Every structure is written in C-alpha cells, then in structure tokens.
Amino acid sequence: MPRPSNTPWLTPYLTVASGRAAIDFYQRAFGFTAGHVVDENGVPTHAELHYKGELVVMFAPEGAWGSTARTPRSLGVEASQTFYVYCDDVDAMYAQAIGAGAVSVMAPADQFWGDRYCMVEDPDGYRWGFGTPLPKAADVDPSSES
C-alpha cells in the first residue's frame, strides 16, 4: 500500500498562523470537512481537511513540530502558487469565500481556456482559484435559446 486509503497521490501541506482559525475558515469559505486533527493541549497542531471526498489539504500552525516555516502573510510575500479547485458553481463559491473573509483577487469571469474562474486569498495569504468548465457549444440546447 503506497499511500493511505482516501488520500490523493498529491496532498498540499500548508503552514498556517492558527490551526483552529484555518479549520474554521476552510469549512466556512470553501465547504471543506475536517478529517483527522491532532490536538495538543487544546491547540490543533496538524489537520487534514477534505473537499468532496477527493481533495485533501493538510496543515500545521507556524512553530508546530519545531518548524520554522511561515505563512505568506507572515512573511509579507505573495504566495508563489495557486491551488486550482473545480467546484459546482464558481459564483456561489466566490460569494461564500468572500463572506467568510477571503480577499478577492479575481472576480468570477469566463476564461479563454474554457472555465468560469475566480481567485481569492485566504487569511494566511494562500491563493485559491475555483473553476467550473463552461458549456461547449455542442452542449447547449438550441431549443432553449430565444
């Protein structure tokens, strides 16, 4: 068994400012569900969050396990990567994320590569892009057009 069951081959592991705040934010903003959480003396020091049963994101707070890793926000830098997540409704995800405290980087818009896409920044400075494939011309029912 090369990996645990229900775990993708690639799993991002982030550093966050606060484990508890990150769990709360990702649940409210993106609809993640909490999986395995290691809690030491009332402080989450490791967490696994799941999205639609297919995506797993893990994280630990700054300083956990003797790490010197810091968040992009703590370092005062722009995150050099964006997590691209497909969702059912980009506009609804964007509104939910902004309502939970995410910062808008790009409002939802149709993109040349064929997705409706938006990008937000979470409280730790990580960037999250959400996309939904646009219907192709062949997918559109001509009888529905007036």
Protein backbone atom coordinates (compact mmCIF):
# COMPACT_ATOMS: atom_id res chain seq x y z
CA MET A 1 0.00 0.00 0.00
CA PRO A 2 1.88 3.10 -1.22
CA ARG A 3 -0.50 5.61 0.44
CA PRO A 4 -3.36 5.64 2.95
CA SER A 5 -6.83 4.93 1.58
CA ASN A 6 -8.90 8.01 0.67
CA THR A 7 -5.71 10.07 0.26
CA PRO A 8 -4.76 11.52 -3.15
CA TRP A 9 -1.30 10.96 -4.58
CA LEU A 10 -0.56 14.68 -4.12
CA THR A 11 -1.61 16.41 -0.91
CA PRO A 12 -0.65 20.03 -0.20
CA TYR A 13 0.72 20.59 3.31
CA LEU A 14 0.44 24.23 4.36
CA THR A 15 1.73 26.29 7.25
CA VAL A 16 -1.00 28.38 8.86
CA ALA A 17 -0.98 31.03 11.58
CA SER A 18 -3.62 29.26 13.66
CA GLY A 19 -4.84 25.70 13.23
CA ARG A 20 -8.21 26.42 14.78
CA ALA A 21 -8.77 29.55 12.66
CA ALA A 22 -7.72 27.72 9.48
CA ILE A 23 -10.09 24.80 10.14
CA ASP A 24 -12.95 27.24 10.72
CA PHE A 25 -12.12 29.34 7.65
CA TYR A 26 -11.75 26.42 5.21
CA GLN A 27 -15.03 24.93 6.40
CA ARG A 28 -16.99 28.19 6.11
CA ALA A 29 -15.29 29.61 3.00
CA PHE A 30 -14.80 26.53 0.83
CA GLY A 31 -17.01 23.81 2.32
CA PHE A 32 -14.14 21.58 3.45
CA THR A 33 -14.86 18.99 6.12
CA ALA A 34 -12.46 18.20 8.94
CA GLY A 35 -10.82 14.80 8.85
CA HIS A 36 -8.02 13.76 11.18
CA VAL A 37 -6.98 16.53 13.60
CA VAL A 38 -4.12 16.23 16.09
CA ASP A 39 -4.92 18.39 19.09
CA GLU A 40 -2.25 19.06 21.70
CA ASN A 41 -3.43 20.83 24.83
CA GLY A 42 -6.38 22.38 23.00
CA VAL A 43 -4.31 23.53 20.01
CA PRO A 44 -4.68 21.81 16.62
CA THR A 45 -1.10 21.03 15.56
CA HIS A 46 -1.99 19.01 12.45
CA ALA A 47 -5.19 18.88 10.44
CA GLU A 48 -6.48 17.13 7.37
CA LEU A 49 -9.38 18.75 5.55
CA HIS A 50 -11.38 17.12 2.76
CA TYR A 51 -13.25 18.56 -0.22
CA LYS A 52 -15.92 16.43 -1.93
CA GLY A 53 -14.14 13.28 -0.79
CA GLU A 54 -11.41 13.71 -3.41
CA LEU A 55 -9.13 16.52 -2.26
CA VAL A 56 -7.15 16.53 0.96
CA VAL A 57 -5.29 19.55 2.31
CA MET A 58 -3.14 19.19 5.40
CA PHE A 59 -1.63 21.89 7.57
CA ALA A 60 0.14 22.73 10.79
CA PRO A 61 0.49 26.08 12.55
CA GLU A 62 3.68 28.11 12.50
CA GLY A 63 6.15 26.69 15.01
CA ALA A 64 4.47 23.28 15.27
CA TRP A 65 6.83 20.31 15.50
CA GLY A 66 9.82 22.68 15.72
CA SER A 67 9.23 24.03 12.20
CA THR A 68 10.43 27.49 11.22
CA ALA A 69 8.06 27.64 8.21
CA ARG A 70 5.85 30.74 8.00
CA THR A 71 2.77 31.71 6.04
CA PRO A 72 2.98 34.02 3.02
CA ARG A 73 1.08 36.64 5.06
CA SER A 74 3.56 36.39 7.97
CA LEU A 75 6.47 36.75 5.55
CA GLY A 76 4.82 39.67 3.75
CA VAL A 77 5.09 37.97 0.35
CA GLU A 78 2.67 36.92 -2.36
CA ALA A 79 2.15 33.16 -2.47
CA SER A 80 4.04 31.74 -5.44
CA GLN A 81 1.40 29.11 -6.17
CA THR A 82 -2.37 28.98 -6.59
CA PHE A 83 -4.48 25.98 -5.70
CA TYR A 84 -6.89 25.32 -8.58
CA VAL A 85 -10.05 23.58 -7.38
CA TYR A 86 -13.02 22.61 -9.54
CA CYS A 87 -16.40 23.32 -7.99
CA ASP A 88 -20.06 23.11 -8.98
CA ASP A 89 -20.74 26.88 -9.04
CA VAL A 90 -17.88 29.39 -9.18
CA ASP A 91 -20.10 32.38 -8.44
CA ALA A 92 -21.58 30.75 -5.33
CA MET A 93 -18.14 29.59 -4.12
CA TYR A 94 -16.75 33.10 -4.62
CA ALA A 95 -19.62 34.69 -2.66
CA GLN A 96 -19.26 32.12 0.13
CA ALA A 97 -15.48 32.64 0.36
CA ILE A 98 -15.74 36.44 0.40
CA GLY A 99 -18.49 36.19 3.03
CA ALA A 100 -16.15 34.09 5.20
CA GLY A 101 -13.33 36.64 4.99
CA ALA A 102 -11.37 35.72 1.87
CA VAL A 103 -9.95 38.61 -0.16
CA SER A 104 -10.91 38.86 -3.83
CA VAL A 105 -8.01 38.58 -6.27
CA MET A 106 -10.18 37.95 -9.36
CA ALA A 107 -13.97 38.02 -9.51
CA PRO A 108 -15.71 35.19 -11.41
CA ALA A 109 -15.38 35.53 -15.17
CA ASP A 110 -15.41 33.29 -18.23
CA GLN A 111 -11.84 32.49 -19.27
CA PHE A 112 -10.27 31.75 -22.64
CA TRP A 113 -9.21 28.25 -21.53
CA GLY A 114 -12.83 27.17 -21.14
CA ASP A 115 -13.58 27.58 -17.44
CA ARG A 116 -15.53 30.12 -15.44
CA TYR A 117 -12.91 31.04 -12.85
CA CYS A 118 -12.27 33.19 -9.80
CA MET A 119 -9.39 33.61 -7.35
CA VAL A 120 -9.38 34.52 -3.66
CA GLU A 121 -6.73 34.82 -0.99
CA ASP A 122 -7.21 33.15 2.38
CA PRO A 123 -6.27 34.76 5.74
CA ASP A 124 -2.79 33.19 5.62
CA GLY A 125 -2.06 34.58 2.15
CA TYR A 126 -2.55 31.41 0.09
CA ARG A 127 -4.35 31.84 -3.22
CA TRP A 128 -7.24 29.62 -4.22
CA GLY A 129 -8.64 29.52 -7.74
CA PHE A 130 -12.03 27.94 -8.36
CA GLY A 131 -13.19 26.83 -11.77
CA THR A 132 -16.20 25.33 -13.46
CA PRO A 133 -15.99 24.20 -17.10
CA LEU A 134 -18.06 26.36 -19.42
CA PRO A 135 -20.59 24.51 -21.56
CA LYS A 136 -19.30 23.82 -25.04
CA ALA A 137 -21.40 24.97 -28.00
CA ALA A 138 -22.41 21.34 -28.63
CA ASP A 139 -23.61 21.09 -25.01
CA VAL A 140 -26.04 23.99 -25.31
CA ASP A 141 -29.62 23.02 -26.14
CA PRO A 142 -30.58 25.16 -29.21
CA SER A 143 -34.27 24.96 -28.23
CA SER A 144 -33.53 26.84 -25.00
CA GLU A 145 -32.26 29.90 -26.87
CA SER A 146 -34.83 32.52 -27.81
